[in-house]
N, C-alpha and C. Protein backbone atom coordinates (compact mmCIF):
# COMPACT_ATOMS: atom_id res chain seq x y z
N UNK A 1 76.01 67.76 118.39
CA UNK A 1 76.20 68.73 117.07
C UNK A 1 76.43 70.18 117.01
N UNK A 2 75.98 70.61 117.93
CA UNK A 2 75.46 72.33 118.01
C UNK A 2 77.22 72.75 118.00
N UNK A 3 77.55 71.87 119.82
CA UNK A 3 78.95 71.99 119.58
C UNK A 3 79.62 72.22 118.29
N UNK A 4 79.51 71.55 117.73
CA UNK A 4 80.74 70.97 116.41
C UNK A 4 81.05 71.98 115.42
N UNK A 5 79.53 71.71 115.58
CA UNK A 5 79.27 73.22 113.59
C UNK A 5 79.79 74.62 114.33
N UNK A 6 79.22 75.11 115.64
CA UNK A 6 80.26 76.03 116.07
C UNK A 6 81.49 76.54 116.37
N UNK A 7 82.55 74.84 116.64
CA UNK A 7 83.62 74.79 116.29
C UNK A 7 84.19 74.72 114.65
N UNK A 8 83.19 74.40 114.02
CA UNK A 8 83.87 74.53 112.71
C UNK A 8 84.16 75.94 112.17
N UNK A 9 82.87 76.50 112.77
CA UNK A 9 82.72 77.54 112.14
C UNK A 9 83.73 78.58 113.26
N UNK A 10 83.99 78.56 113.38
CA UNK A 10 85.00 79.28 114.84
C UNK A 10 86.70 78.95 113.95
N UNK A 11 86.60 78.04 113.90
CA UNK A 11 87.80 77.26 112.83
C UNK A 11 88.10 78.03 111.49
N UNK A 12 86.71 77.93 111.04
CA UNK A 12 86.54 78.31 109.26
C UNK A 12 86.86 79.74 110.04
N UNK A 13 86.27 80.80 110.29
CA UNK A 13 86.74 82.15 111.05
C UNK A 13 88.24 82.27 111.15
N UNK A 14 88.75 81.88 111.87
CA UNK A 14 90.06 82.36 111.82
C UNK A 14 90.63 81.81 110.87
N UNK A 15 90.40 80.65 110.18
CA UNK A 15 91.47 80.68 108.95
C UNK A 15 91.70 81.37 107.82
N UNK A 16 90.49 81.58 107.45
CA UNK A 16 90.01 83.09 106.56
C UNK A 16 91.08 84.37 106.30
N UNK A 17 91.22 84.53 105.41
CA UNK A 17 92.16 86.58 105.33
C UNK A 17 91.25 87.85 106.14
N UNK A 18 91.86 88.10 106.00
CA UNK A 18 91.20 89.01 107.12
C UNK A 18 90.33 90.11 106.18
N UNK A 19 88.90 90.72 106.49
CA UNK A 19 88.06 90.27 105.70
C UNK A 19 88.15 92.30 106.28
N UNK A 20 86.96 93.07 105.07
CA UNK A 20 87.04 94.39 105.46
C UNK A 20 87.13 95.01 106.68
N UNK A 21 86.37 93.98 107.05
CA UNK A 21 85.53 94.68 109.08
C UNK A 21 86.31 94.19 109.73
N UNK A 22 87.69 92.95 109.31
CA UNK A 22 88.67 92.80 110.46
C UNK A 22 90.18 93.38 109.70
N UNK A 23 90.24 93.93 108.96
CA UNK A 23 91.74 94.68 109.06
C UNK A 23 91.20 95.96 109.51
N UNK A 24 92.13 96.22 109.65
CA UNK A 24 93.18 97.79 110.90
C UNK A 24 93.30 97.85 109.66
N UNK A 25 94.77 98.01 108.80
CA UNK A 25 95.54 99.22 108.09
C UNK A 25 94.65 99.21 106.47
N UNK A 26 93.75 98.06 106.18
CA UNK A 26 93.53 98.11 104.49
C UNK A 26 91.97 98.52 104.59
N UNK A 27 92.05 99.41 103.71
CA UNK A 27 90.12 99.57 103.33
C UNK A 27 90.44 99.26 102.40
N UNK A 28 89.50 98.04 102.04
CA UNK A 28 88.58 98.28 100.69
C UNK A 28 87.20 98.10 100.49
N UNK A 29 86.97 98.09 98.93
CA UNK A 29 85.70 98.62 98.78
C UNK A 29 84.81 97.42 98.37
N UNK A 30 83.47 97.99 98.18
CA UNK A 30 82.52 97.01 97.51
C UNK A 30 82.43 96.00 96.80
N UNK A 31 83.55 95.80 96.11
CA UNK A 31 83.93 94.02 94.38
C UNK A 31 84.86 93.06 95.87
N UNK A 32 85.42 94.04 97.06
CA UNK A 32 86.79 92.98 97.66
C UNK A 32 88.24 92.89 97.00
N UNK A 33 88.34 94.67 96.39
CA UNK A 33 89.61 95.06 95.34
C UNK A 33 90.02 95.61 96.70
N UNK A 34 90.99 95.50 97.56
CA UNK A 34 91.95 96.58 98.32
C UNK A 34 91.96 97.72 97.68
N UNK A 35 91.43 98.79 98.28
CA UNK A 35 92.35 99.92 97.61
C UNK A 35 93.17 100.89 98.18
N UNK A 36 93.51 100.78 99.56
CA UNK A 36 94.60 101.77 99.86
C UNK A 36 95.02 100.35 101.62
N UNK A 37 96.14 100.48 101.98
CA UNK A 37 96.57 100.23 103.00
C UNK A 37 97.92 100.34 103.17
N UNK A 38 97.90 102.37 104.59
CA UNK A 38 98.57 102.47 105.15
C UNK A 38 99.10 102.28 106.41
N UNK A 39 99.75 103.52 106.62
CA UNK A 39 100.48 102.98 107.91
C UNK A 39 100.96 103.79 108.99
N UNK A 40 100.06 104.98 109.26
CA UNK A 40 100.75 106.11 109.61
C UNK A 40 100.95 105.81 111.24
N UNK A 41 102.44 106.86 111.98
CA UNK A 41 102.26 106.42 113.43
C UNK A 41 101.86 107.76 113.59
N UNK A 42 102.01 108.15 115.20
CA UNK A 42 101.03 109.44 115.43
C UNK A 42 102.43 110.12 114.75
N UNK A 43 101.69 111.49 115.78
CA UNK A 43 101.82 112.57 115.48
C UNK A 43 103.63 112.35 116.67
N UNK A 44 104.41 113.17 115.56
CA UNK A 44 105.71 112.82 116.10
C UNK A 44 106.08 114.40 117.58
N UNK A 45 106.90 113.83 118.89
CA UNK A 45 107.48 115.43 118.84
C UNK A 45 107.84 116.35 118.29
N UNK A 46 108.73 116.13 116.57
CA UNK A 46 109.20 116.92 115.74
C UNK A 46 108.53 117.24 115.08
N UNK A 47 107.16 117.52 114.85
CA UNK A 47 106.19 118.11 114.57
C UNK A 47 106.44 117.34 112.79
N UNK A 48 105.90 116.14 112.94
CA UNK A 48 106.46 115.41 111.44
C UNK A 48 105.42 114.38 111.93
N UNK A 49 104.75 113.56 110.44
CA UNK A 49 104.09 112.14 110.38
C UNK A 49 104.75 111.06 108.93
N UNK A 50 104.70 110.05 109.75
CA UNK A 50 105.15 109.17 108.78
C UNK A 50 103.91 108.33 108.08
N UNK A 51 104.41 107.76 107.35
CA UNK A 51 102.85 107.21 106.65
C UNK A 51 103.70 106.29 105.50
N UNK A 52 103.25 105.26 105.83
CA UNK A 52 104.03 104.13 104.57
C UNK A 52 102.60 103.20 103.71
N UNK A 53 103.23 102.87 103.23
CA UNK A 53 102.14 102.09 101.70
C UNK A 53 102.32 101.16 100.82
N UNK A 54 101.18 100.51 100.13
CA UNK A 54 102.76 99.67 99.55
C UNK A 54 101.79 100.24 97.85
N UNK A 55 102.65 100.92 97.17
CA UNK A 55 102.37 100.72 95.87
C UNK A 55 102.78 100.07 94.35
N UNK A 56 102.40 100.57 93.35
CA UNK A 56 102.46 99.71 92.21
C UNK A 56 103.85 99.80 92.36
N UNK A 57 105.14 100.49 93.19
CA UNK A 57 106.51 100.13 92.56
C UNK A 57 107.06 99.77 93.59
N UNK A 58 106.61 99.07 94.46
CA UNK A 58 106.38 99.07 95.99
C UNK A 58 106.21 99.71 97.22
N UNK A 59 106.62 99.68 98.52
CA UNK A 59 107.32 99.77 99.47
C UNK A 59 107.38 101.93 100.11
N UNK A 60 106.15 102.43 100.09
CA UNK A 60 106.99 103.89 100.19
C UNK A 60 106.75 104.17 101.57
N UNK A 61 107.90 105.37 102.16
CA UNK A 61 107.71 105.75 102.82
C UNK A 61 106.94 107.29 102.90
N UNK A 62 106.58 108.14 103.26
CA UNK A 62 105.94 109.42 103.28
C UNK A 62 106.14 109.98 104.57
N UNK A 63 107.60 111.10 104.70
CA UNK A 63 107.91 111.76 106.13
C UNK A 63 107.06 113.14 106.50
N UNK A 64 106.34 113.16 106.30
CA UNK A 64 105.95 114.63 106.16
C UNK A 64 106.07 115.79 107.42
N UNK A 65 106.63 116.56 107.13
CA UNK A 65 106.90 117.58 107.53
C UNK A 65 107.02 119.18 108.43
N UNK A 66 106.23 119.93 109.36
CA UNK A 66 105.23 121.34 109.72
C UNK A 66 106.82 122.09 110.08
N UNK A 67 106.69 123.30 109.23
CA UNK A 67 108.17 123.81 109.69
C UNK A 67 107.62 125.53 109.36
N UNK A 68 108.07 126.04 110.37
CA UNK A 68 107.82 127.94 110.01
C UNK A 68 107.81 127.96 108.54
N UNK A 69 108.91 127.67 107.19
CA UNK A 69 109.56 128.35 106.59
C UNK A 69 110.17 126.86 105.59
N UNK A 70 109.83 126.53 104.82
CA UNK A 70 109.95 125.72 103.12
C UNK A 70 111.59 125.17 103.58
N UNK A 71 112.30 124.39 103.91
CA UNK A 71 113.77 123.97 103.87
C UNK A 71 113.77 123.07 102.58
N UNK A 72 112.73 123.12 101.50
CA UNK A 72 113.35 122.55 99.94
C UNK A 72 114.06 121.18 100.13
N UNK A 73 113.40 120.30 100.67
CA UNK A 73 113.63 119.16 100.72
C UNK A 73 113.55 118.13 99.11
N UNK A 74 114.58 117.62 99.37
CA UNK A 74 114.42 117.04 98.23
C UNK A 74 115.65 116.12 97.92
N UNK A 75 115.32 114.82 96.83
CA UNK A 75 116.26 114.20 96.72
C UNK A 75 116.33 112.93 97.86
N UNK A 76 117.67 112.02 97.66
CA UNK A 76 117.91 111.18 98.07
C UNK A 76 117.96 110.74 100.09
N UNK A 77 117.30 110.63 101.10
CA UNK A 77 117.24 110.45 102.34
C UNK A 77 118.13 109.59 102.82
N UNK A 78 118.85 109.24 104.26
CA UNK A 78 119.78 108.65 105.02
C UNK A 78 118.53 108.30 106.43
N UNK A 79 119.09 106.98 107.32
CA UNK A 79 117.49 106.68 108.00
C UNK A 79 118.66 105.17 108.83
N UNK A 80 118.44 106.00 110.13
CA UNK A 80 119.46 104.28 110.74
C UNK A 80 118.68 104.92 111.87
N UNK A 81 118.80 103.30 112.84
CA UNK A 81 118.13 102.79 113.59
C UNK A 81 119.16 102.48 114.73
N UNK A 82 118.86 102.88 116.13
CA UNK A 82 119.96 103.05 116.68
C UNK A 82 120.58 101.68 116.77
N UNK A 83 121.11 100.73 116.73
CA UNK A 83 121.80 99.84 116.40
C UNK A 83 122.13 99.50 115.07
N UNK A 84 121.52 100.05 114.21
CA UNK A 84 121.70 99.20 113.31
C UNK A 84 121.95 100.00 111.99
N UNK A 85 121.88 99.22 110.69
CA UNK A 85 122.95 100.36 109.59
C UNK A 85 121.80 101.52 109.05
N UNK A 86 122.76 102.56 108.55
CA UNK A 86 122.64 103.48 107.99
C UNK A 86 121.81 102.75 106.55
N UNK A 87 120.77 103.31 106.26
CA UNK A 87 120.16 103.13 104.34
C UNK A 87 120.22 104.40 103.64
N UNK A 88 119.87 104.12 102.95
CA UNK A 88 119.91 105.48 101.83
C UNK A 88 117.72 105.06 101.78
N UNK A 89 117.24 106.28 102.17
CA UNK A 89 115.99 106.05 101.34
C UNK A 89 116.04 107.21 99.45
N UNK A 90 115.30 106.39 98.77
CA UNK A 90 115.68 106.99 97.51
C UNK A 90 113.80 107.84 97.48
N UNK A 91 114.35 108.71 96.85
CA UNK A 91 113.45 109.92 96.54
C UNK A 91 113.10 110.17 95.87
N UNK A 92 111.72 110.11 95.58
CA UNK A 92 110.47 109.86 94.51
C UNK A 92 109.80 110.92 94.43
N UNK A 93 109.08 111.82 94.93
CA UNK A 93 108.41 113.00 94.73
C UNK A 93 108.63 113.57 96.08
N UNK A 94 107.12 115.22 96.02
CA UNK A 94 107.50 115.95 97.35
C UNK A 94 105.85 116.72 96.92
N UNK A 95 104.97 116.74 98.28
CA UNK A 95 104.16 117.65 98.26
C UNK A 95 104.55 118.88 99.08
N UNK A 96 104.28 120.18 98.79
CA UNK A 96 104.49 121.19 99.66
C UNK A 96 103.11 121.52 99.74
N UNK A 97 102.69 122.32 100.48
CA UNK A 97 102.19 123.28 101.00
C UNK A 97 101.69 123.96 102.25
N UNK A 98 100.92 125.05 101.96
CA UNK A 98 100.86 126.62 103.21
C UNK A 98 99.57 126.13 104.64
N UNK A 99 99.59 124.98 105.35
CA UNK A 99 98.65 125.29 106.40
C UNK A 99 97.35 126.67 106.53
N UNK A 100 96.80 126.58 107.34
CA UNK A 100 96.27 127.74 107.89
C UNK A 100 96.07 128.34 109.28
N UNK A 101 97.45 127.75 109.77
CA UNK A 101 98.06 128.43 110.80
C UNK A 101 99.23 128.89 110.16
N UNK A 102 99.79 129.05 108.94
CA UNK A 102 101.10 130.19 108.39
C UNK A 102 102.10 129.20 108.35
N UNK A 103 102.07 127.74 109.02
CA UNK A 103 103.40 126.74 109.18
C UNK A 103 102.96 126.59 107.64
N UNK A 104 104.16 125.71 106.72
CA UNK A 104 104.19 125.28 105.52
C UNK A 104 104.39 123.29 106.03
N UNK A 105 104.72 122.69 104.93
CA UNK A 105 104.19 121.17 105.09
C UNK A 105 104.96 120.87 103.75
N UNK A 106 106.32 120.05 104.51
CA UNK A 106 106.56 119.16 103.36
C UNK A 106 106.47 118.26 103.62
N UNK A 107 106.63 117.16 102.73
CA UNK A 107 106.18 115.97 102.40
C UNK A 107 107.04 115.05 101.32
N UNK A 108 108.06 114.54 101.62
CA UNK A 108 108.55 113.37 100.50
C UNK A 108 107.99 112.77 100.80
N UNK A 109 108.46 111.66 99.19
CA UNK A 109 108.02 109.92 99.08
C UNK A 109 109.47 109.43 98.86
N UNK A 110 109.24 108.33 99.24
CA UNK A 110 110.57 107.50 99.24
C UNK A 110 110.39 106.10 98.91
N UNK A 111 110.64 105.49 98.21
CA UNK A 111 110.65 104.16 97.63
C UNK A 111 111.63 103.49 99.08
N UNK A 112 111.08 101.96 99.64
CA UNK A 112 112.50 101.38 101.06
C UNK A 112 112.04 100.09 100.85
N UNK A 113 112.17 99.54 101.08
CA UNK A 113 112.61 97.86 101.33
C UNK A 113 111.48 97.27 102.36
N UNK A 114 111.64 96.49 101.75
CA UNK A 114 110.61 95.52 103.11
C UNK A 114 111.86 94.98 104.27
N UNK A 115 112.96 95.17 104.37
CA UNK A 115 113.35 94.28 104.85
C UNK A 115 113.93 95.60 105.69
N UNK A 116 113.65 96.93 105.26
CA UNK A 116 113.70 98.12 106.48
C UNK A 116 113.10 98.59 106.84
N UNK A 117 111.95 97.74 106.47
CA UNK A 117 110.75 98.43 106.94
C UNK A 117 110.90 97.32 108.77
N UNK A 118 111.21 96.66 108.27
CA UNK A 118 111.04 94.85 109.24
C UNK A 118 111.93 95.31 109.84
N UNK A 119 113.01 96.07 109.53
CA UNK A 119 114.08 96.55 110.96
C UNK A 119 113.81 97.63 111.98
N UNK A 120 113.16 98.70 111.66
CA UNK A 120 112.91 99.97 111.73
C UNK A 120 111.62 99.19 113.16
N UNK A 121 111.47 98.31 112.47
CA UNK A 121 109.59 97.57 113.50
C UNK A 121 110.22 97.17 114.53
N UNK A 122 111.36 97.02 114.58
CA UNK A 122 111.86 95.47 115.34
C UNK A 122 113.26 96.55 116.57
N UNK A 123 113.19 97.75 116.29
CA UNK A 123 114.08 98.08 116.89
C UNK A 123 114.38 98.60 117.84
N UNK A 124 114.67 99.45 118.93
CA UNK A 124 114.99 99.72 119.85
C UNK A 124 115.47 101.31 120.37
N UNK A 125 114.90 101.64 120.83
CA UNK A 125 115.29 102.89 121.05
C UNK A 125 114.32 104.11 119.76
N UNK A 126 115.95 104.69 118.99
CA UNK A 126 115.19 105.97 118.02
C UNK A 126 114.92 105.65 117.10
N UNK A 127 114.65 105.95 115.58
CA UNK A 127 115.11 105.95 114.51
C UNK A 127 115.16 106.90 113.72
N UNK A 128 116.53 107.67 113.05
CA UNK A 128 117.13 108.97 113.10
C UNK A 128 116.35 108.73 111.30
N UNK A 129 115.52 109.87 110.65
CA UNK A 129 116.20 110.07 109.66
C UNK A 129 116.64 111.92 109.17
N UNK A 130 117.61 112.00 107.87
CA UNK A 130 117.96 112.57 107.60
C UNK A 130 117.72 113.25 106.09
N UNK A 131 116.18 113.62 106.10
CA UNK A 131 116.46 114.22 104.71
C UNK A 131 117.04 115.22 104.03
N UNK A 132 117.18 115.52 103.06
CA UNK A 132 118.16 116.54 101.67
C UNK A 132 117.69 117.66 102.16
N UNK A 133 118.13 118.48 101.95
CA UNK A 133 117.64 120.21 102.14
C UNK A 133 118.39 120.71 101.55
N UNK A 134 117.60 121.87 100.37
CA UNK A 134 118.13 122.08 99.57
C UNK A 134 118.69 123.71 99.98
N UNK A 135 117.92 124.23 100.40
CA UNK A 135 118.51 125.96 100.65
C UNK A 135 119.09 125.68 102.29
N UNK A 136 119.32 125.00 103.13
CA UNK A 136 119.15 124.76 104.57
C UNK A 136 120.17 123.32 104.73
N UNK A 137 120.76 123.29 106.27
CA UNK A 137 121.08 121.44 106.18
C UNK A 137 120.10 121.15 105.97
N UNK A 138 120.45 119.54 106.90
CA UNK A 138 119.25 118.62 106.21
C UNK A 138 118.51 118.72 106.98
N UNK A 139 117.28 117.96 106.90
CA UNK A 139 116.04 118.29 108.28
C UNK A 139 116.82 116.36 109.07
N UNK A 140 116.70 116.58 110.07
CA UNK A 140 116.52 116.04 110.92
C UNK A 140 115.09 115.31 111.24
N UNK A 141 114.60 114.18 111.54
CA UNK A 141 113.40 113.44 112.19
C UNK A 141 113.97 112.55 113.26
N UNK A 142 113.11 112.61 114.11
CA UNK A 142 114.16 110.92 115.38
C UNK A 142 112.92 111.19 115.47
N UNK A 143 112.34 109.74 115.98
CA UNK A 143 110.93 108.88 115.60
C UNK A 143 111.35 107.96 116.76
N UNK A 144 110.56 108.17 117.65
CA UNK A 144 111.06 106.81 118.81
C UNK A 144 110.13 105.78 118.14
N UNK A 145 111.70 104.33 117.91
CA UNK A 145 111.29 103.01 117.48
C UNK A 145 109.47 102.42 117.85
N UNK A 146 109.19 102.37 119.28
CA UNK A 146 107.65 102.04 119.58
C UNK A 146 106.81 102.08 118.29
N UNK A 147 107.04 104.16 118.13
CA UNK A 147 105.76 104.35 117.43
C UNK A 147 106.10 103.59 115.96
N UNK A 148 107.26 102.67 115.62
CA UNK A 148 106.85 101.99 114.45
C UNK A 148 106.85 100.42 114.63
N UNK A 149 106.89 100.21 115.71
CA UNK A 149 106.06 98.64 115.83
C UNK A 149 105.01 97.92 115.76
N UNK A 150 103.85 99.02 114.91
CA UNK A 150 103.40 98.00 114.44
C UNK A 150 103.13 97.52 112.40
N UNK A 151 104.36 98.35 112.39
CA UNK A 151 105.13 97.70 111.12
C UNK A 151 104.43 96.47 110.24
N UNK A 152 104.96 95.33 112.15
CA UNK A 152 105.61 94.02 110.72
C UNK A 152 103.65 93.15 110.21
N UNK A 153 103.01 94.10 110.97
CA UNK A 153 101.38 93.43 111.37
C UNK A 153 100.54 93.90 109.94
N UNK A 154 101.63 95.65 109.86
CA UNK A 154 100.68 96.21 108.41
C UNK A 154 100.83 95.37 106.69
N UNK A 155 102.55 95.09 107.19
CA UNK A 155 103.05 94.53 106.17
C UNK A 155 102.41 93.12 105.91
N UNK A 156 101.72 91.92 106.89
CA UNK A 156 101.02 91.28 106.69
C UNK A 156 100.08 90.86 106.10
N UNK A 157 99.28 92.43 106.65
CA UNK A 157 97.70 92.40 106.41
C UNK A 157 97.67 92.77 104.99
N UNK A 158 99.01 93.82 104.80
CA UNK A 158 98.60 94.66 103.23
C UNK A 158 99.08 93.08 102.51
N UNK A 159 99.81 92.17 102.76
CA UNK A 159 99.87 91.11 101.75
C UNK A 159 99.05 90.22 101.70
N UNK A 160 99.01 89.64 102.59
CA UNK A 160 97.92 89.14 102.55
C UNK A 160 96.30 89.62 101.89
N UNK A 161 95.82 90.87 101.93
CA UNK A 161 94.91 91.23 100.86
C UNK A 161 94.70 91.52 99.69
N UNK A 162 96.73 91.67 99.34
CA UNK A 162 97.50 92.26 97.79
C UNK A 162 97.73 90.94 97.90
N UNK A 163 97.25 90.15 97.98
CA UNK A 163 98.22 88.72 97.53
C UNK A 163 98.78 88.71 95.89
N UNK A 164 97.34 89.02 95.33
CA UNK A 164 97.65 88.77 93.60
C UNK A 164 98.79 89.82 93.04
N UNK A 165 98.58 90.59 93.76
CA UNK A 165 99.72 91.97 93.20
C UNK A 165 101.38 91.82 94.08
N UNK A 166 101.38 91.51 95.18
CA UNK A 166 102.93 90.28 95.34
C UNK A 166 103.43 89.43 94.42
N UNK A 167 102.36 88.37 94.21
CA UNK A 167 102.73 87.20 93.93
C UNK A 167 103.15 87.34 91.98
N UNK A 168 102.66 88.56 91.36
CA UNK A 168 102.33 89.03 90.06
C UNK A 168 104.39 89.96 90.45
N UNK A 169 104.27 90.60 90.79
CA UNK A 169 105.39 91.13 91.25
C UNK A 169 107.21 89.93 91.58
N UNK A 170 106.41 88.96 91.98
CA UNK A 170 107.47 88.36 92.81
C UNK A 170 107.47 87.44 91.01
N UNK A 171 106.72 86.92 90.63
CA UNK A 171 106.79 86.39 88.51
C UNK A 171 107.89 87.30 87.96
N UNK A 172 106.87 88.65 88.01
CA UNK A 172 108.31 89.29 87.06
C UNK A 172 109.62 90.02 88.06
N UNK A 173 109.62 89.39 88.97
CA UNK A 173 111.33 89.76 89.14
C UNK A 173 112.20 88.90 89.19
N UNK A 174 111.74 87.31 88.97
CA UNK A 174 111.48 86.14 88.34
C UNK A 174 112.04 84.87 86.89
N UNK A 175 110.80 85.90 86.65
CA UNK A 175 110.88 85.41 84.65
C UNK A 175 112.58 86.86 84.38
N UNK A 176 113.01 88.08 85.06
CA UNK A 176 114.29 88.91 84.62
C UNK A 176 115.04 88.45 85.18
N UNK A 177 115.27 87.02 85.78
CA UNK A 177 117.00 86.94 86.21
C UNK A 177 117.58 85.46 85.28
């Protein structure tokens, strides 16, 4: 009987949605509502960092660039995995700041599709981003595809914890058709 109760408890634990204690990407507040789900790549060799999050407008990608002088990045960007198709990333907003080291940070935010994120997560080799700069030539960021390999797990956890939000989005999309 004791073994049966342990087995039942184990099955219940494994079948439940992730809890705040087991959440890897999402931070959950005390009321049990997810407050943020973020995926960050490690710092890339080109002094850039990528943060992917889910917002009310959909999936977003912020590419923070650390430079010696401002490039004035604004407008849509392009992205391409080594053997994939080229995608356009829709520009939303940018944050610019001066770091204590004297370098500058430009962090444009783009709307991206879930399909694009899956493609980048499963890419081999490099993923390249061309950010549209106003005062200079486009800023190119090259990321090892391995840095994006956890995106599929991040998407699954985000959908699990924010399930109602995704169901509401699907209902709105279906009703507009």
